[in-house]
Amino acid sequence: MRPRVVVYVSADELAQMRREAARRRVSLSRYAKERLTPSPEAGGAALNGGGSAAEQRRDDGVYKLIVERADGLGDNLRTLIVMLDQLVLSTLTHLPEIPLAQQAERLTAGARCHASWRQEAARLIEQMRADTAAGQPSATNGHGAHA
């Protein structure tokens, strides 16, 4: 049996460690061990213990900003997933069944409309990328719709 080490951390520190362990897809124990053990890439210094205090503060600040940004993006992604799920449910609930005699022509029309929708989406994404690269604000309202 391996020896056990007990470390006391605040609730915020524990939450941050759990988020990072989940992001890396490792157990909390493995994440803590990786943070405490020397790494060959760091020249034998511990991942969290090398460098000056100023470097450590800078690294902590950058890490905090990255975690906050990733959490925000994750929240946005979860919102989009729920919205998409609700759209599919609403669509499937309200659209009537297609009669067998009309299925072929409806599939053709649906494929045509879908291809047109995808082309428009690709055009909007390219326009937003070009605007961002040029330093201009996007022409959308933040939800993908034009203002």
C-alpha atoms as a PDB file:
ATOM      1  CA  MET A   1       0.000   0.000   0.000  1.00  0.00           C
ATOM      2  CA  ARG A   2       1.271   3.454  -0.888  1.00  0.00           C
ATOM      3  CA  PRO A   3       1.671   6.041   1.856  1.00  0.00           C
ATOM      4  CA  ARG A   4      -1.011   8.729   1.948  1.00  0.00           C
ATOM      5  CA  VAL A   5      -0.400  12.472   2.223  1.00  0.00           C
ATOM      6  CA  VAL A   6      -3.141  14.776   3.479  1.00  0.00           C
ATOM      7  CA  VAL A   7      -3.187  18.372   2.248  1.00  0.00           C
ATOM      8  CA  TYR A   8      -5.622  21.035   3.413  1.00  0.00           C
ATOM      9  CA  VAL A   9      -6.909  23.400   0.721  1.00  0.00           C
ATOM     10  CA  SER A  10      -9.713  25.939   0.541  1.00  0.00           C
ATOM     11  CA  ALA A  11     -12.996  25.122  -1.191  1.00  0.00           C
ATOM     12  CA  ASP A  12     -12.007  27.372  -4.112  1.00  0.00           C
ATOM     13  CA  GLU A  13      -8.627  25.689  -4.470  1.00  0.00           C
ATOM     14  CA  LEU A  14     -10.262  22.254  -4.395  1.00  0.00           C
ATOM     15  CA  ALA A  15     -12.820  23.302  -7.008  1.00  0.00           C
ATOM     16  CA  GLN A  16     -10.043  24.638  -9.240  1.00  0.00           C
ATOM     17  CA  MET A  17      -8.040  21.423  -8.833  1.00  0.00           C
ATOM     18  CA  ARG A  18     -11.104  19.323  -9.694  1.00  0.00           C
ATOM     19  CA  ARG A  19     -11.807  21.427 -12.810  1.00  0.00           C
ATOM     20  CA  GLU A  20      -8.223  21.110 -13.988  1.00  0.00           C
ATOM     21  CA  ALA A  21      -8.131  17.361 -13.293  1.00  0.00           C
ATOM     22  CA  ALA A  22     -11.392  16.939 -15.225  1.00  0.00           C
ATOM     23  CA  ARG A  23     -10.055  19.073 -18.081  1.00  0.00           C
ATOM     24  CA  ARG A  24      -6.971  16.860 -18.264  1.00  0.00           C
ATOM     25  CA  ARG A  25      -9.149  13.760 -17.802  1.00  0.00           C
ATOM     26  CA  VAL A  26      -7.165  12.427 -14.865  1.00  0.00           C
ATOM     27  CA  SER A  27      -8.104  11.669 -11.286  1.00  0.00           C
ATOM     28  CA  LEU A  28      -7.707  14.345  -8.645  1.00  0.00           C
ATOM     29  CA  SER A  29      -5.021  12.221  -7.002  1.00  0.00           C
ATOM     30  CA  ARG A  30      -3.027  11.871 -10.229  1.00  0.00           C
ATOM     31  CA  TYR A  31      -3.374  15.590 -10.962  1.00  0.00           C
ATOM     32  CA  ALA A  32      -2.064  16.482  -7.470  1.00  0.00           C
ATOM     33  CA  LYS A  33       0.841  14.044  -7.837  1.00  0.00           C
ATOM     34  CA  GLU A  34       1.767  15.481 -11.247  1.00  0.00           C
ATOM     35  CA  ARG A  35       1.778  18.975  -9.778  1.00  0.00           C
ATOM     36  CA  LEU A  36       4.045  17.922  -6.905  1.00  0.00           C
ATOM     37  CA  THR A  37       6.563  15.649  -8.604  1.00  0.00           C
ATOM     38  CA  PRO A  38       9.586  16.923 -10.555  1.00  0.00           C
ATOM     39  CA  SER A  39       9.266  16.887 -14.318  1.00  0.00           C
ATOM     40  CA  PRO A  40      12.252  16.216 -16.632  1.00  0.00           C
ATOM     41  CA  GLU A  41      11.121  19.067 -18.926  1.00  0.00           C
ATOM     42  CA  ALA A  42      11.386  21.539 -16.045  1.00  0.00           C
ATOM     43  CA  GLY A  43      14.991  20.572 -15.358  1.00  0.00           C
ATOM     44  CA  GLY A  44      14.044  18.632 -12.236  1.00  0.00           C
ATOM     45  CA  ALA A  45      12.071  21.506 -10.704  1.00  0.00           C
ATOM     46  CA  ALA A  46       8.552  20.829  -9.565  1.00  0.00           C
ATOM     47  CA  LEU A  47       5.863  21.940 -11.992  1.00  0.00           C
ATOM     48  CA  ASN A  48       4.538  24.432  -9.514  1.00  0.00           C
ATOM     49  CA  GLY A  49       7.695  25.260  -7.593  1.00  0.00           C
ATOM     50  CA  GLY A  50      10.241  26.503 -10.131  1.00  0.00           C
ATOM     51  CA  GLY A  51      11.022  30.124 -10.935  1.00  0.00           C
ATOM     52  CA  SER A  52      10.804  33.366  -9.029  1.00  0.00           C
ATOM     53  CA  ALA A  53       7.776  34.633  -7.143  1.00  0.00           C
ATOM     54  CA  ALA A  54       7.105  37.161  -9.923  1.00  0.00           C
ATOM     55  CA  GLU A  55       7.149  34.409 -12.549  1.00  0.00           C
ATOM     56  CA  GLN A  56       4.841  32.311 -10.401  1.00  0.00           C
ATOM     57  CA  ARG A  57       2.381  35.208 -10.001  1.00  0.00           C
ATOM     58  CA  ARG A  58       2.460  35.826 -13.745  1.00  0.00           C
ATOM     59  CA  ASP A  59       1.927  32.136 -14.480  1.00  0.00           C
ATOM     60  CA  ASP A  60      -0.909  31.973 -11.951  1.00  0.00           C
ATOM     61  CA  GLY A  61      -2.549  35.033 -13.514  1.00  0.00           C
ATOM     62  CA  VAL A  62      -2.293  33.621 -17.024  1.00  0.00           C
ATOM     63  CA  TYR A  63      -3.598  30.269 -15.823  1.00  0.00           C
ATOM     64  CA  LYS A  64      -6.538  31.944 -14.072  1.00  0.00           C
ATOM     65  CA  LEU A  65      -7.441  33.895 -17.220  1.00  0.00           C
ATOM     66  CA  ILE A  66      -7.276  30.746 -19.344  1.00  0.00           C
ATOM     67  CA  VAL A  67      -9.450  28.796 -16.905  1.00  0.00           C
ATOM     68  CA  GLU A  68     -12.033  31.610 -16.772  1.00  0.00           C
ATOM     69  CA  ARG A  69     -12.100  31.809 -20.577  1.00  0.00           C
ATOM     70  CA  ALA A  70     -12.428  28.032 -20.917  1.00  0.00           C
ATOM     71  CA  ASP A  71     -15.226  27.973 -18.324  1.00  0.00           C
ATOM     72  CA  GLY A  72     -17.053  30.716 -20.244  1.00  0.00           C
ATOM     73  CA  LEU A  73     -16.661  28.861 -23.526  1.00  0.00           C
ATOM     74  CA  GLY A  74     -17.875  25.659 -21.869  1.00  0.00           C
ATOM     75  CA  ASP A  75     -20.952  27.489 -20.559  1.00  0.00           C
ATOM     76  CA  ASN A  76     -21.668  28.850 -24.048  1.00  0.00           C
ATOM     77  CA  LEU A  77     -21.272  25.387 -25.551  1.00  0.00           C
ATOM     78  CA  ARG A  78     -23.657  23.860 -23.002  1.00  0.00           C
ATOM     79  CA  THR A  79     -26.183  26.613 -23.790  1.00  0.00           C
ATOM     80  CA  LEU A  80     -25.928  25.873 -27.516  1.00  0.00           C
ATOM     81  CA  ILE A  81     -26.388  22.147 -26.906  1.00  0.00           C
ATOM     82  CA  VAL A  82     -29.556  22.767 -24.891  1.00  0.00           C
ATOM     83  CA  MET A  83     -30.864  25.220 -27.500  1.00  0.00           C
ATOM     84  CA  LEU A  84     -30.221  22.743 -30.302  1.00  0.00           C
ATOM     85  CA  ASP A  85     -31.905  19.957 -28.343  1.00  0.00           C
ATOM     86  CA  GLN A  86     -34.970  22.148 -27.752  1.00  0.00           C
ATOM     87  CA  LEU A  87     -35.087  23.118 -31.443  1.00  0.00           C
ATOM     88  CA  VAL A  88     -35.015  19.472 -32.525  1.00  0.00           C
ATOM     89  CA  LEU A  89     -37.688  18.540 -29.986  1.00  0.00           C
ATOM     90  CA  SER A  90     -39.929  21.424 -31.077  1.00  0.00           C
ATOM     91  CA  THR A  91     -39.400  20.633 -34.758  1.00  0.00           C
ATOM     92  CA  LEU A  92     -40.133  16.933 -34.354  1.00  0.00           C
ATOM     93  CA  THR A  93     -43.172  17.691 -32.217  1.00  0.00           C
ATOM     94  CA  HIS A  94     -44.770  20.214 -34.580  1.00  0.00           C
ATOM     95  CA  LEU A  95     -43.976  18.887 -38.048  1.00  0.00           C
ATOM     96  CA  PRO A  96     -46.439  16.404 -39.534  1.00  0.00           C
ATOM     97  CA  GLU A  97     -45.337  13.011 -40.836  1.00  0.00           C
ATOM     98  CA  ILE A  98     -44.437  13.033 -44.544  1.00  0.00           C
ATOM     99  CA  PRO A  99     -46.769  10.876 -46.651  1.00  0.00           C
ATOM    100  CA  LEU A 100     -44.986   8.100 -48.556  1.00  0.00           C
ATOM    101  CA  ALA A 101     -46.020   9.571 -51.934  1.00  0.00           C
ATOM    102  CA  GLN A 102     -44.225  12.871 -51.112  1.00  0.00           C
ATOM    103  CA  GLN A 103     -41.080  11.562 -49.405  1.00  0.00           C
ATOM    104  CA  ALA A 104     -38.781  11.617 -52.457  1.00  0.00           C
ATOM    105  CA  GLU A 105     -39.588  15.199 -53.452  1.00  0.00           C
ATOM    106  CA  ARG A 106     -39.469  16.405 -49.839  1.00  0.00           C
ATOM    107  CA  LEU A 107     -36.042  14.774 -49.348  1.00  0.00           C
ATOM    108  CA  THR A 108     -34.761  16.501 -52.491  1.00  0.00           C
ATOM    109  CA  ALA A 109     -36.137  19.881 -51.373  1.00  0.00           C
ATOM    110  CA  GLY A 110     -34.783  19.348 -47.855  1.00  0.00           C
ATOM    111  CA  ALA A 111     -31.298  18.490 -49.168  1.00  0.00           C
ATOM    112  CA  ARG A 112     -31.352  21.607 -51.375  1.00  0.00           C
ATOM    113  CA  CYS A 113     -32.419  23.864 -48.481  1.00  0.00           C
ATOM    114  CA  HIS A 114     -29.833  22.281 -46.176  1.00  0.00           C
ATOM    115  CA  ALA A 115     -27.014  22.842 -48.686  1.00  0.00           C
ATOM    116  CA  SER A 116     -28.102  26.470 -49.092  1.00  0.00           C
ATOM    117  CA  TRP A 117     -28.211  26.943 -45.307  1.00  0.00           C
ATOM    118  CA  ARG A 118     -24.711  25.468 -44.899  1.00  0.00           C
ATOM    119  CA  GLN A 119     -23.308  27.734 -47.636  1.00  0.00           C
ATOM    120  CA  GLU A 120     -24.804  30.796 -45.949  1.00  0.00           C
ATOM    121  CA  ALA A 121     -23.431  29.707 -42.560  1.00  0.00           C
ATOM    122  CA  ALA A 122     -19.957  29.213 -44.058  1.00  0.00           C
ATOM    123  CA  ARG A 123     -20.159  32.643 -45.722  1.00  0.00           C
ATOM    124  CA  LEU A 124     -21.135  34.299 -42.417  1.00  0.00           C
ATOM    125  CA  ILE A 125     -18.308  32.554 -40.545  1.00  0.00           C
ATOM    126  CA  GLU A 126     -15.766  33.690 -43.148  1.00  0.00           C
ATOM    127  CA  GLN A 127     -17.139  37.238 -42.972  1.00  0.00           C
ATOM    128  CA  MET A 128     -16.857  37.237 -39.172  1.00  0.00           C
ATOM    129  CA  ARG A 129     -13.272  35.921 -39.371  1.00  0.00           C
ATOM    130  CA  ALA A 130     -12.326  38.602 -41.908  1.00  0.00           C
ATOM    131  CA  ASP A 131     -13.917  41.317 -39.741  1.00  0.00           C
ATOM    132  CA  THR A 132     -12.091  40.021 -36.661  1.00  0.00           C
ATOM    133  CA  ALA A 133      -8.766  39.862 -38.516  1.00  0.00           C
ATOM    134  CA  ALA A 134      -9.287  43.445 -39.715  1.00  0.00           C
ATOM    135  CA  GLY A 135     -10.023  44.560 -36.157  1.00  0.00           C
ATOM    136  CA  GLN A 136     -13.613  45.474 -36.959  1.00  0.00           C
ATOM    137  CA  PRO A 137     -16.508  44.533 -34.699  1.00  0.00           C
ATOM    138  CA  SER A 138     -18.643  41.704 -35.995  1.00  0.00           C
ATOM    139  CA  ALA A 139     -21.775  42.571 -37.962  1.00  0.00           C
ATOM    140  CA  THR A 140     -23.818  40.205 -35.823  1.00  0.00           C
ATOM    141  CA  ASN A 141     -25.644  40.847 -32.575  1.00  0.00           C
ATOM    142  CA  GLY A 142     -23.593  38.264 -30.676  1.00  0.00           C
ATOM    143  CA  HIS A 143     -26.084  35.479 -31.283  1.00  0.00           C
ATOM    144  CA  GLY A 144     -25.289  34.861 -34.942  1.00  0.00           C
ATOM    145  CA  ALA A 145     -28.083  37.092 -36.256  1.00  0.00           C
ATOM    146  CA  HIS A 146     -27.354  40.258 -38.162  1.00  0.00           C
ATOM    147  CA  ALA A 147     -28.027  43.493 -36.315  1.00  0.00           C
END
